[in-house]
Each structure stands twice: as structure tokens, then as C-alpha cells.
Amino acid sequence: MNKIGLLLIIVMGLTSCGDKNHEGHGELGLTIKGRYNGEALVMNQNYKYFDGSDINFSRSEWFISDIELVKGTDTALLKDYDFIEFNDHTNLTKAEAGVHIHLANIPEGNYSQIRFKIGLPPELNKKDPADFQVGDPLSEGTNYWAGWKSYIFSKTEGNITNSKGISKSFAFHSGFDTLMQQVVLNKIIEIDDDATTALTLELDHKRLFGDQQNYLDIISDPIFHDLDDTRIFIFMDHFKNSFSIK
């Protein structure tokens, strides 16, 4: 064999070996949308509550943290935390566009789950806004309860009017380590090298309050935001189970 032929064989062998050791990375375009009973959630638009009352929303915001993909026993952490708000979704176009999070540098492969937390893990929740630079969602004082030394994990606010014409503004706020919830959603998610995979999460706001057989009576007591009210635990359990994935 001549020297040129031998050199080609060596180069091809090295290239093949390099390909085997190469781990590609892709990206994930995650869109999060608000829904109400399957419909797009438009702020200040009336929807039907379980008892026939008219309900609308003026604020829906929450912290998402530890976003990760799961493949067998392996996990890929995509983002430590972010802040999701639907407050400016005042028309159908904005509501359908949702909130977009771009996640990059994800090892390629077929993942079976996406999971994340509603709220913040204790190591973050023990901090306060002064620990973060301006522009970081954790630097915003309106997202923090100074007296209780906890971030506000979620705010769900709006108005409800029943068939008797009784109208109440409601405000359901959550916080504290014990109310952090983890969401686990099963779906085959393919991450390819140098490609972007699109994924949509939907949060159904009707399910936040229960189901037709057992739902929260908002009119009777329209405000809760501390651990003394057991309804906040029920509400956050509903929150955890109100997500779907597409």
C-alpha cells in the first residue's frame, strides 16, 4: 500500500472515532400559555365558573424553577428559574402567543419527561431581592414578602360575579418552602444536534380551583395568602395538576 492510501485510512479512522465521541447539543423553544377550560386565557374576559358565576382574571404570575429534561436516570438542567406572567395577555393574539423561554445547549437525545417546580427551592427562597442584580426577577421587591421572609411563588387575581349579582375581587397568593410544587409531565422530547425543538405547556386556570364535584367557593372567602388557611395547600395541589403538554 502506498503512503497516500495509508494516510487516507488513518484520517478516516480518526474521523470515525471523533464522530463516535462527539455529543451534539440542541435547543428547546418552550412556550407557556394560559388557558381556561381549554380556551385561551384573555385577561379581564369573562368565563363560566363551576357554579355558573362569571369569573375573569386580572393577574396570573408565578415562578418556575429547576426546569429539566429526564432521560432514564439522567437529567439535563435547562434553567434555574424564571418568572412567568400572563398579565398583558389582554387580547386573543397575545394569549395565543403565550410566554416564550429559549433553552440552549441541551445534550441531544430522546427524553421522556420534562419537570419543573412552581415556586423556588429553599436555597433561593432564603435569599431576598437585595441579593440579586436589577433586572433579575428575584430582585423585584413586589415578588417578595419581607415580613415572612419568602418570595411570592404565585399570584392569581381577578373578579367573580354570581347569579345573584354579588361580585367579589379575589386574590390567591402562595409562598413559603412548604408550598413549592414539582410538576412532572411525560412526553417523548427529541433534542437533535444543531436543531430547535418546539414544546408548549398549558396552564388551565379553571382547574386551579378544583372540579365540578369539588371546587373552591371564591365568593364566600375571596382572599388567602398564608399558611393558616388550608385552602392554599389545596390550591397549590390543583396548580401542580393543572398543566398539560403539547
C-alpha atoms as a PDB file:
ATOM      1  CA  MET A   1       0.000   0.000   0.000  1.00  0.00           C
ATOM      2  CA  ASN A   2       1.399   3.423  -0.917  1.00  0.00           C
ATOM      3  CA  LYS A   3       1.855   6.202   1.622  1.00  0.00           C
ATOM      4  CA  ILE A   4      -1.125   8.217   0.345  1.00  0.00           C
ATOM      5  CA  GLY A   5      -3.508   5.272   0.760  1.00  0.00           C
ATOM      6  CA  LEU A   6      -2.245   4.586   4.271  1.00  0.00           C
ATOM      7  CA  LEU A   7      -2.672   8.251   5.206  1.00  0.00           C
ATOM      8  CA  LEU A   8      -6.278   8.259   3.975  1.00  0.00           C
ATOM      9  CA  ILE A   9      -7.084   5.177   6.072  1.00  0.00           C
ATOM     10  CA  ILE A  10      -5.606   6.804   9.183  1.00  0.00           C
ATOM     11  CA  VAL A  11      -7.515  10.056   8.611  1.00  0.00           C
ATOM     12  CA  MET A  12     -10.807   8.198   8.041  1.00  0.00           C
ATOM     13  CA  GLY A  13     -10.223   6.186  11.190  1.00  0.00           C
ATOM     14  CA  LEU A  14      -9.585   9.282  13.258  1.00  0.00           C
ATOM     15  CA  THR A  15     -12.666  10.994  11.820  1.00  0.00           C
ATOM     16  CA  SER A  16     -14.854   7.981  12.588  1.00  0.00           C
ATOM     17  CA  CYS A  17     -13.527   7.818  16.139  1.00  0.00           C
ATOM     18  CA  GLY A  18     -14.184  11.532  16.593  1.00  0.00           C
ATOM     19  CA  ASP A  19     -17.770  11.184  15.410  1.00  0.00           C
ATOM     20  CA  LYS A  20     -18.435   8.427  17.929  1.00  0.00           C
ATOM     21  CA  ASN A  21     -17.171  10.587  20.778  1.00  0.00           C
ATOM     22  CA  HIS A  22     -18.998  13.709  19.655  1.00  0.00           C
ATOM     23  CA  GLU A  23     -22.004  14.684  21.743  1.00  0.00           C
ATOM     24  CA  GLY A  24     -24.289  17.048  19.923  1.00  0.00           C
ATOM     25  CA  HIS A  25     -26.369  19.760  21.532  1.00  0.00           C
ATOM     26  CA  GLY A  26     -29.711  21.196  20.543  1.00  0.00           C
ATOM     27  CA  GLU A  27     -32.185  23.785  21.767  1.00  0.00           C
ATOM     28  CA  LEU A  28     -35.714  23.871  23.123  1.00  0.00           C
ATOM     29  CA  GLY A  29     -38.271  26.576  22.418  1.00  0.00           C
ATOM     30  CA  LEU A  30     -40.669  26.375  25.367  1.00  0.00           C
ATOM     31  CA  THR A  31     -43.970  28.257  25.068  1.00  0.00           C
ATOM     32  CA  ILE A  32     -46.214  28.570  28.123  1.00  0.00           C
ATOM     33  CA  LYS A  33     -49.861  29.515  27.632  1.00  0.00           C
ATOM     34  CA  GLY A  34     -52.696  30.378  29.973  1.00  0.00           C
ATOM     35  CA  ARG A  35     -55.976  28.548  29.421  1.00  0.00           C
ATOM     36  CA  TYR A  36     -59.427  28.415  30.971  1.00  0.00           C
ATOM     37  CA  ASN A  37     -61.334  25.194  30.412  1.00  0.00           C
ATOM     38  CA  GLY A  38     -59.318  24.704  27.228  1.00  0.00           C
ATOM     39  CA  GLU A  39     -59.891  28.225  25.897  1.00  0.00           C
ATOM     40  CA  ALA A  40     -57.179  30.865  25.572  1.00  0.00           C
ATOM     41  CA  LEU A  41     -56.966  32.883  28.794  1.00  0.00           C
ATOM     42  CA  VAL A  42     -57.563  36.544  27.952  1.00  0.00           C
ATOM     43  CA  MET A  43     -57.221  38.956  30.850  1.00  0.00           C
ATOM     44  CA  ASN A  44     -60.459  40.622  32.025  1.00  0.00           C
ATOM     45  CA  GLN A  45     -62.597  38.383  29.805  1.00  0.00           C
ATOM     46  CA  ASN A  46     -65.451  36.533  31.497  1.00  0.00           C
ATOM     47  CA  TYR A  47     -65.532  32.731  31.704  1.00  0.00           C
ATOM     48  CA  LYS A  48     -68.003  30.423  33.405  1.00  0.00           C
ATOM     49  CA  TYR A  49     -67.098  29.118  36.844  1.00  0.00           C
ATOM     50  CA  PHE A  50     -68.279  25.739  38.128  1.00  0.00           C
ATOM     51  CA  ASP A  51     -71.417  27.210  39.750  1.00  0.00           C
ATOM     52  CA  GLY A  52     -72.326  29.330  36.731  1.00  0.00           C
ATOM     53  CA  SER A  53     -70.746  32.515  38.060  1.00  0.00           C
ATOM     54  CA  ASP A  54     -68.798  34.800  35.732  1.00  0.00           C
ATOM     55  CA  ILE A  55     -65.089  34.805  36.515  1.00  0.00           C
ATOM     56  CA  ASN A  56     -62.298  36.854  34.993  1.00  0.00           C
ATOM     57  CA  PHE A  57     -58.612  37.314  35.704  1.00  0.00           C
ATOM     58  CA  SER A  58     -56.526  40.464  36.049  1.00  0.00           C
ATOM     59  CA  ARG A  59     -53.287  38.858  37.208  1.00  0.00           C
ATOM     60  CA  SER A  60     -51.673  35.465  36.763  1.00  0.00           C
ATOM     61  CA  GLU A  61     -47.964  35.164  37.513  1.00  0.00           C
ATOM     62  CA  TRP A  62     -45.661  32.591  39.067  1.00  0.00           C
ATOM     63  CA  PHE A  63     -42.075  31.491  39.450  1.00  0.00           C
ATOM     64  CA  ILE A  64     -40.872  28.446  37.545  1.00  0.00           C
ATOM     65  CA  SER A  65     -37.601  26.841  38.656  1.00  0.00           C
ATOM     66  CA  ASP A  66     -35.330  23.829  38.100  1.00  0.00           C
ATOM     67  CA  ILE A  67     -36.576  23.226  34.567  1.00  0.00           C
ATOM     68  CA  GLU A  68     -35.086  19.933  33.404  1.00  0.00           C
ATOM     69  CA  LEU A  69     -35.468  17.099  30.931  1.00  0.00           C
ATOM     70  CA  VAL A  70     -35.280  13.485  32.065  1.00  0.00           C
ATOM     71  CA  LYS A  71     -33.784  10.554  30.168  1.00  0.00           C
ATOM     72  CA  GLY A  72     -33.685   7.353  32.214  1.00  0.00           C
ATOM     73  CA  THR A  73     -31.594   8.152  35.280  1.00  0.00           C
ATOM     74  CA  ASP A  74     -30.023  11.178  33.606  1.00  0.00           C
ATOM     75  CA  THR A  75     -31.285  14.740  33.821  1.00  0.00           C
ATOM     76  CA  ALA A  76     -30.415  17.864  31.869  1.00  0.00           C
ATOM     77  CA  LEU A  77     -30.934  21.097  33.816  1.00  0.00           C
ATOM     78  CA  LEU A  78     -32.204  23.713  31.360  1.00  0.00           C
ATOM     79  CA  LYS A  79     -32.726  26.756  33.588  1.00  0.00           C
ATOM     80  CA  ASP A  80     -32.505  27.567  37.288  1.00  0.00           C
ATOM     81  CA  TYR A  81     -35.530  29.864  37.407  1.00  0.00           C
ATOM     82  CA  ASP A  82     -37.717  32.295  35.506  1.00  0.00           C
ATOM     83  CA  PHE A  83     -40.818  34.392  36.088  1.00  0.00           C
ATOM     84  CA  ILE A  84     -43.989  33.711  34.100  1.00  0.00           C
ATOM     85  CA  GLU A  85     -46.756  36.290  33.786  1.00  0.00           C
ATOM     86  CA  PHE A  86     -49.867  36.409  31.634  1.00  0.00           C
ATOM     87  CA  ASN A  87     -50.915  39.864  32.834  1.00  0.00           C
ATOM     88  CA  ASP A  88     -50.517  41.599  29.476  1.00  0.00           C
ATOM     89  CA  HIS A  89     -52.461  38.931  27.577  1.00  0.00           C
ATOM     90  CA  THR A  90     -55.336  41.341  27.072  1.00  0.00           C
ATOM     91  CA  ASN A  91     -56.390  40.017  23.673  1.00  0.00           C
ATOM     92  CA  LEU A  92     -56.590  36.679  21.913  1.00  0.00           C
ATOM     93  CA  THR A  93     -53.442  37.236  19.848  1.00  0.00           C
ATOM     94  CA  LYS A  94     -51.277  37.795  22.900  1.00  0.00           C
ATOM     95  CA  ALA A  95     -52.912  34.941  24.780  1.00  0.00           C
ATOM     96  CA  GLU A  96     -52.259  32.506  21.941  1.00  0.00           C
ATOM     97  CA  ALA A  97     -48.649  33.684  21.615  1.00  0.00           C
ATOM     98  CA  GLY A  98     -48.005  32.799  25.248  1.00  0.00           C
ATOM     99  CA  VAL A  99     -44.724  33.294  27.099  1.00  0.00           C
ATOM    100  CA  HIS A 100     -41.609  32.028  25.356  1.00  0.00           C
ATOM    101  CA  ILE A 101     -38.454  30.681  27.003  1.00  0.00           C
ATOM    102  CA  HIS A 102     -35.482  29.764  24.805  1.00  0.00           C
ATOM    103  CA  LEU A 103     -33.326  26.991  26.272  1.00  0.00           C
ATOM    104  CA  ALA A 104     -29.987  26.161  24.667  1.00  0.00           C
ATOM    105  CA  ASN A 105     -27.017  23.794  24.922  1.00  0.00           C
ATOM    106  CA  ILE A 106     -29.091  20.679  25.696  1.00  0.00           C
ATOM    107  CA  PRO A 107     -27.370  17.298  25.123  1.00  0.00           C
ATOM    108  CA  GLU A 108     -29.015  15.577  22.171  1.00  0.00           C
ATOM    109  CA  GLY A 109     -31.175  12.527  22.767  1.00  0.00           C
ATOM    110  CA  ASN A 110     -34.705  11.305  23.368  1.00  0.00           C
ATOM    111  CA  TYR A 111     -36.057  12.463  26.719  1.00  0.00           C
ATOM    112  CA  SER A 112     -39.152  11.006  28.364  1.00  0.00           C
ATOM    113  CA  GLN A 113     -40.150  13.785  30.775  1.00  0.00           C
ATOM    114  CA  ILE A 114     -39.977  17.465  31.453  1.00  0.00           C
ATOM    115  CA  ARG A 115     -40.196  18.541  35.055  1.00  0.00           C
ATOM    116  CA  PHE A 116     -40.077  21.829  36.906  1.00  0.00           C
ATOM    117  CA  LYS A 117     -41.071  23.470  40.149  1.00  0.00           C
ATOM    118  CA  ILE A 118     -43.772  26.051  40.828  1.00  0.00           C
ATOM    119  CA  GLY A 119     -42.080  28.453  43.204  1.00  0.00           C
ATOM    120  CA  LEU A 120     -38.458  28.438  44.294  1.00  0.00           C
ATOM    121  CA  PRO A 121     -36.267  25.837  46.012  1.00  0.00           C
ATOM    122  CA  PRO A 122     -35.300  26.640  49.635  1.00  0.00           C
ATOM    123  CA  GLU A 123     -31.745  27.704  48.743  1.00  0.00           C
ATOM    124  CA  LEU A 124     -33.171  30.515  46.611  1.00  0.00           C
ATOM    125  CA  ASN A 125     -36.196  31.307  48.753  1.00  0.00           C
ATOM    126  CA  LYS A 126     -33.966  32.048  51.755  1.00  0.00           C
ATOM    127  CA  LYS A 127     -32.431  34.956  49.836  1.00  0.00           C
ATOM    128  CA  ASP A 128     -34.040  38.367  49.307  1.00  0.00           C
ATOM    129  CA  PRO A 129     -34.186  40.915  46.459  1.00  0.00           C
ATOM    130  CA  ALA A 130     -31.022  42.696  47.638  1.00  0.00           C
ATOM    131  CA  ASP A 131     -29.023  39.575  46.753  1.00  0.00           C
ATOM    132  CA  PHE A 132     -29.750  39.951  43.035  1.00  0.00           C
ATOM    133  CA  GLN A 133     -28.892  42.439  40.316  1.00  0.00           C
ATOM    134  CA  VAL A 134     -31.518  44.817  38.974  1.00  0.00           C
ATOM    135  CA  GLY A 135     -33.426  43.156  36.131  1.00  0.00           C
ATOM    136  CA  ASP A 136     -33.326  39.711  37.689  1.00  0.00           C
ATOM    137  CA  PRO A 137     -36.890  38.580  38.585  1.00  0.00           C
ATOM    138  CA  LEU A 138     -35.633  37.796  42.098  1.00  0.00           C
ATOM    139  CA  SER A 139     -34.548  41.422  42.561  1.00  0.00           C
ATOM    140  CA  GLU A 140     -38.144  42.678  42.303  1.00  0.00           C
ATOM    141  CA  GLY A 141     -39.481  43.656  45.709  1.00  0.00           C
ATOM    142  CA  THR A 142     -43.123  43.182  44.707  1.00  0.00           C
ATOM    143  CA  ASN A 143     -42.388  39.456  44.354  1.00  0.00           C
ATOM    144  CA  TYR A 144     -41.208  39.181  47.964  1.00  0.00           C
ATOM    145  CA  TRP A 145     -42.860  39.047  51.410  1.00  0.00           C
ATOM    146  CA  ALA A 146     -40.343  40.794  53.671  1.00  0.00           C
ATOM    147  CA  GLY A 147     -42.310  40.119  56.861  1.00  0.00           C
ATOM    148  CA  TRP A 148     -42.453  36.399  56.150  1.00  0.00           C
ATOM    149  CA  LYS A 149     -39.007  36.145  54.533  1.00  0.00           C
ATOM    150  CA  SER A 150     -40.319  34.343  51.467  1.00  0.00           C
ATOM    151  CA  TYR A 151     -40.803  35.070  47.808  1.00  0.00           C
ATOM    152  CA  ILE A 152     -44.360  35.072  46.493  1.00  0.00           C
ATOM    153  CA  PHE A 153     -44.456  31.927  44.387  1.00  0.00           C
ATOM    154  CA  SER A 154     -47.699  32.736  42.590  1.00  0.00           C
ATOM    155  CA  LYS A 155     -50.364  35.426  42.318  1.00  0.00           C
ATOM    156  CA  THR A 156     -53.800  34.661  40.880  1.00  0.00           C
ATOM    157  CA  GLU A 157     -56.215  37.586  40.966  1.00  0.00           C
ATOM    158  CA  GLY A 158     -59.478  38.601  39.354  1.00  0.00           C
ATOM    159  CA  ASN A 159     -63.181  39.091  39.896  1.00  0.00           C
ATOM    160  CA  ILE A 160     -66.156  36.771  40.203  1.00  0.00           C
ATOM    161  CA  THR A 161     -69.880  37.601  39.979  1.00  0.00           C
ATOM    162  CA  ASN A 162     -72.604  35.089  40.819  1.00  0.00           C
ATOM    163  CA  SER A 163     -76.182  34.775  39.570  1.00  0.00           C
ATOM    164  CA  LYS A 164     -77.436  36.992  42.443  1.00  0.00           C
ATOM    165  CA  GLY A 165     -75.256  39.842  41.250  1.00  0.00           C
ATOM    166  CA  ILE A 166     -72.832  39.522  44.152  1.00  0.00           C
ATOM    167  CA  SER A 167     -69.365  40.438  42.940  1.00  0.00           C
ATOM    168  CA  LYS A 168     -66.044  39.873  44.704  1.00  0.00           C
ATOM    169  CA  SER A 169     -62.456  40.585  43.802  1.00  0.00           C
ATOM    170  CA  PHE A 170     -60.245  37.616  44.658  1.00  0.00           C
ATOM    171  CA  ALA A 171     -56.523  37.298  45.342  1.00  0.00           C
ATOM    172  CA  PHE A 172     -54.871  33.939  45.911  1.00  0.00           C
ATOM    173  CA  HIS A 173     -51.143  34.212  46.690  1.00  0.00           C
ATOM    174  CA  SER A 174     -48.715  31.432  47.600  1.00  0.00           C
ATOM    175  CA  GLY A 175     -45.253  31.317  49.107  1.00  0.00           C
ATOM    176  CA  PHE A 176     -43.097  29.542  51.742  1.00  0.00           C
ATOM    177  CA  ASP A 177     -40.963  26.439  51.201  1.00  0.00           C
ATOM    178  CA  THR A 178     -43.757  24.039  52.095  1.00  0.00           C
ATOM    179  CA  LEU A 179     -45.885  25.229  49.178  1.00  0.00           C
ATOM    180  CA  MET A 180     -43.313  24.667  46.429  1.00  0.00           C
ATOM    181  CA  GLN A 181     -44.673  22.071  43.994  1.00  0.00           C
ATOM    182  CA  GLN A 182     -42.940  19.895  41.420  1.00  0.00           C
ATOM    183  CA  VAL A 183     -44.642  19.201  38.098  1.00  0.00           C
ATOM    184  CA  VAL A 184     -43.716  16.089  36.113  1.00  0.00           C
ATOM    185  CA  LEU A 185     -45.062  15.689  32.570  1.00  0.00           C
ATOM    186  CA  ASN A 186     -44.462  12.606  30.450  1.00  0.00           C
ATOM    187  CA  LYS A 187     -43.713  13.118  26.776  1.00  0.00           C
ATOM    188  CA  ILE A 188     -41.065  11.918  24.326  1.00  0.00           C
ATOM    189  CA  ILE A 189     -38.997  15.020  23.597  1.00  0.00           C
ATOM    190  CA  GLU A 190     -36.368  14.678  20.863  1.00  0.00           C
ATOM    191  CA  ILE A 191     -33.393  17.018  21.061  1.00  0.00           C
ATOM    192  CA  ASP A 192     -31.318  16.937  17.884  1.00  0.00           C
ATOM    193  CA  ASP A 193     -27.883  18.362  17.261  1.00  0.00           C
ATOM    194  CA  ASP A 194     -27.971  21.955  15.977  1.00  0.00           C
ATOM    195  CA  ALA A 195     -31.788  21.983  15.907  1.00  0.00           C
ATOM    196  CA  THR A 196     -34.575  23.588  17.937  1.00  0.00           C
ATOM    197  CA  THR A 197     -37.454  21.522  19.305  1.00  0.00           C
ATOM    198  CA  ALA A 198     -40.762  23.309  19.995  1.00  0.00           C
ATOM    199  CA  LEU A 199     -42.771  22.444  23.093  1.00  0.00           C
ATOM    200  CA  THR A 200     -45.924  24.013  24.566  1.00  0.00           C
ATOM    201  CA  LEU A 201     -47.085  23.950  28.183  1.00  0.00           C
ATOM    202  CA  GLU A 202     -50.635  24.967  29.030  1.00  0.00           C
ATOM    203  CA  LEU A 203     -51.901  26.004  32.463  1.00  0.00           C
ATOM    204  CA  ASP A 204     -55.668  25.631  32.784  1.00  0.00           C
ATOM    205  CA  HIS A 205     -56.888  28.233  35.260  1.00  0.00           C
ATOM    206  CA  LYS A 206     -60.254  26.589  35.822  1.00  0.00           C
ATOM    207  CA  ARG A 207     -58.525  23.501  37.170  1.00  0.00           C
ATOM    208  CA  LEU A 208     -56.685  25.683  39.697  1.00  0.00           C
ATOM    209  CA  PHE A 209     -59.915  25.829  41.688  1.00  0.00           C
ATOM    210  CA  GLY A 210     -60.933  22.152  41.547  1.00  0.00           C
ATOM    211  CA  ASP A 211     -63.525  20.269  39.517  1.00  0.00           C
ATOM    212  CA  GLN A 212     -67.298  20.162  39.148  1.00  0.00           C
ATOM    213  CA  GLN A 213     -67.688  17.887  42.187  1.00  0.00           C
ATOM    214  CA  ASN A 214     -65.323  19.781  44.484  1.00  0.00           C
ATOM    215  CA  TYR A 215     -64.366  23.389  43.849  1.00  0.00           C
ATOM    216  CA  LEU A 216     -63.374  26.415  45.933  1.00  0.00           C
ATOM    217  CA  ASP A 217     -66.159  28.781  46.981  1.00  0.00           C
ATOM    218  CA  ILE A 218     -64.488  32.029  45.928  1.00  0.00           C
ATOM    219  CA  ILE A 219     -67.443  34.269  46.736  1.00  0.00           C
ATOM    220  CA  SER A 220     -67.538  33.200  50.394  1.00  0.00           C
ATOM    221  CA  ASP A 221     -63.848  33.847  51.054  1.00  0.00           C
ATOM    222  CA  PRO A 222     -62.054  35.501  48.139  1.00  0.00           C
ATOM    223  CA  ILE A 223     -58.596  36.089  49.655  1.00  0.00           C
ATOM    224  CA  PHE A 224     -55.875  33.836  51.034  1.00  0.00           C
ATOM    225  CA  HIS A 225     -52.128  34.154  51.195  1.00  0.00           C
ATOM    226  CA  ASP A 226     -50.756  32.454  54.303  1.00  0.00           C
ATOM    227  CA  LEU A 227     -50.252  29.007  55.779  1.00  0.00           C
ATOM    228  CA  ASP A 228     -53.059  29.409  58.326  1.00  0.00           C
ATOM    229  CA  ASP A 229     -55.585  28.968  55.518  1.00  0.00           C
ATOM    230  CA  THR A 230     -55.670  25.305  54.493  1.00  0.00           C
ATOM    231  CA  ARG A 231     -57.173  26.254  51.136  1.00  0.00           C
ATOM    232  CA  ILE A 232     -53.768  27.451  49.937  1.00  0.00           C
ATOM    233  CA  PHE A 233     -52.486  23.872  50.166  1.00  0.00           C
ATOM    234  CA  ILE A 234     -55.481  22.654  48.162  1.00  0.00           C
ATOM    235  CA  PHE A 235     -54.997  25.434  45.625  1.00  0.00           C
ATOM    236  CA  MET A 236     -51.298  24.637  45.094  1.00  0.00           C
ATOM    237  CA  ASP A 237     -52.049  20.940  44.734  1.00  0.00           C
ATOM    238  CA  HIS A 238     -54.529  21.891  42.000  1.00  0.00           C
ATOM    239  CA  PHE A 239     -51.875  24.188  40.498  1.00  0.00           C
ATOM    240  CA  LYS A 240     -49.456  21.292  40.187  1.00  0.00           C
ATOM    241  CA  ASN A 241     -52.054  19.205  38.362  1.00  0.00           C
ATOM    242  CA  SER A 242     -53.344  21.918  36.024  1.00  0.00           C
ATOM    243  CA  PHE A 243     -50.582  21.639  33.397  1.00  0.00           C
ATOM    244  CA  SER A 244     -50.710  19.788  30.079  1.00  0.00           C
ATOM    245  CA  ILE A 245     -48.063  19.456  27.410  1.00  0.00           C
ATOM    246  CA  LYS A 246     -48.174  19.566  23.616  1.00  0.00           C
END
